[in-house]
Protein backbone atom coordinates (compact mmCIF):
# COMPACT_ATOMS: atom_id res chain seq x y z
CA MET A 1 -10.60 -18.99 10.70
CA ASP A 2 -10.07 -18.77 14.46
CA THR A 3 -12.61 -15.97 14.66
CA LEU A 4 -15.25 -18.21 13.12
CA ALA A 5 -14.25 -21.22 15.19
CA TYR A 6 -14.39 -19.33 18.49
CA GLY A 7 -17.30 -17.09 17.59
CA SER A 8 -15.29 -14.04 18.65
CA THR A 9 -17.16 -10.79 19.22
CA ALA A 10 -16.12 -7.21 19.88
CA PRO A 11 -15.89 -6.21 23.57
CA THR A 12 -18.61 -3.59 23.17
CA PRO A 13 -22.26 -3.52 24.22
CA TRP A 14 -23.24 -4.45 20.65
CA ALA A 15 -20.94 -7.52 20.65
CA THR A 16 -20.41 -7.33 16.89
CA PRO A 17 -19.01 -10.57 15.43
CA LEU A 18 -15.38 -9.84 14.55
CA ILE A 19 -15.57 -11.70 11.26
CA TYR A 20 -17.20 -8.66 9.59
CA PRO A 21 -14.49 -6.04 10.22
CA GLN A 22 -11.78 -8.66 9.74
CA ALA A 23 -13.25 -9.69 6.37
CA ALA A 24 -13.26 -6.05 5.20
CA TRP A 25 -9.67 -5.61 6.38
CA TYR A 26 -8.58 -8.82 4.62
CA ALA A 27 -10.32 -7.84 1.37
CA ALA A 28 -8.55 -4.45 1.39
CA LEU A 29 -5.22 -6.16 2.11
CA CYS A 30 -5.72 -8.53 -0.84
CA LEU A 31 -6.62 -5.61 -3.12
CA PHE A 32 -3.49 -3.73 -2.02
CA ALA A 33 -1.31 -6.79 -2.63
CA LEU A 34 -2.80 -7.30 -6.10
CA CYS A 35 -2.19 -3.65 -7.04
CA ALA A 36 1.38 -3.82 -5.73
CA VAL A 37 2.13 -6.94 -7.78
CA VAL A 38 0.61 -5.47 -10.95
CA LEU A 39 2.62 -2.25 -10.57
CA ALA A 40 5.82 -4.19 -9.84
CA ILE A 41 5.35 -6.30 -12.96
CA ARG A 42 4.65 -3.18 -15.01
CA ALA A 43 7.77 -1.41 -13.73
CA THR A 44 9.90 -4.52 -14.29
CA ALA A 45 8.64 -4.79 -17.87
CA MET A 46 9.55 -1.16 -18.49
CA ILE A 47 13.05 -1.73 -17.09
CA ALA A 48 13.50 -4.89 -19.16
CA ALA A 49 12.42 -3.03 -22.31
CA GLY A 50 14.82 -0.20 -21.52
CA ASN A 51 12.00 2.34 -21.42
CA TYR A 52 13.48 4.42 -18.60
CA GLU A 53 11.83 7.69 -19.65
CA LYS A 54 8.34 6.22 -19.41
CA LEU A 55 9.26 4.55 -16.11
CA ALA A 56 10.39 7.88 -14.67
CA GLU A 57 7.27 9.59 -16.04
CA GLU A 58 4.81 7.10 -14.54
CA PHE A 59 6.51 6.20 -11.25
CA HIS A 60 8.68 9.32 -10.70
CA PRO A 61 11.35 7.80 -8.47
CA LYS A 62 13.05 10.52 -6.43
CA GLY A 63 16.77 10.83 -6.09
CA ALA A 64 18.65 11.56 -2.87
CA ILE A 65 19.13 15.23 -3.76
CA GLU A 66 15.44 15.71 -4.53
CA GLU A 67 14.48 14.06 -1.22
CA LEU A 68 16.95 16.26 0.65
CA GLU A 69 15.60 19.42 -1.00
CA GLU A 70 12.05 18.48 0.01
CA GLU A 71 13.11 17.87 3.60
CA ILE A 72 14.98 21.17 3.80
CA SER A 73 12.04 23.13 2.39
CA ASP A 74 9.70 21.37 4.83
CA LEU A 75 12.03 22.20 7.70
CA GLU A 76 12.15 25.87 6.64
CA ARG A 77 8.35 26.06 6.61
CA ARG A 78 8.19 24.95 10.24
């Protein structure tokens, strides 16, 4: 809202109004938040239903040992 109120522009020779890139950034942020909420609700429903196999299949949460193995193999490749 401040961008519109002040008429802010980019400090470039084109002086693009900042509302355009900020609007695109805000739209992407809202889309990300919506996807995150939908996935969180879906995972919570799977946990509540006791469907742990499907949860592991779709979201594949990694354990500490699996994370450590990945880091060690990455370190060896360097």
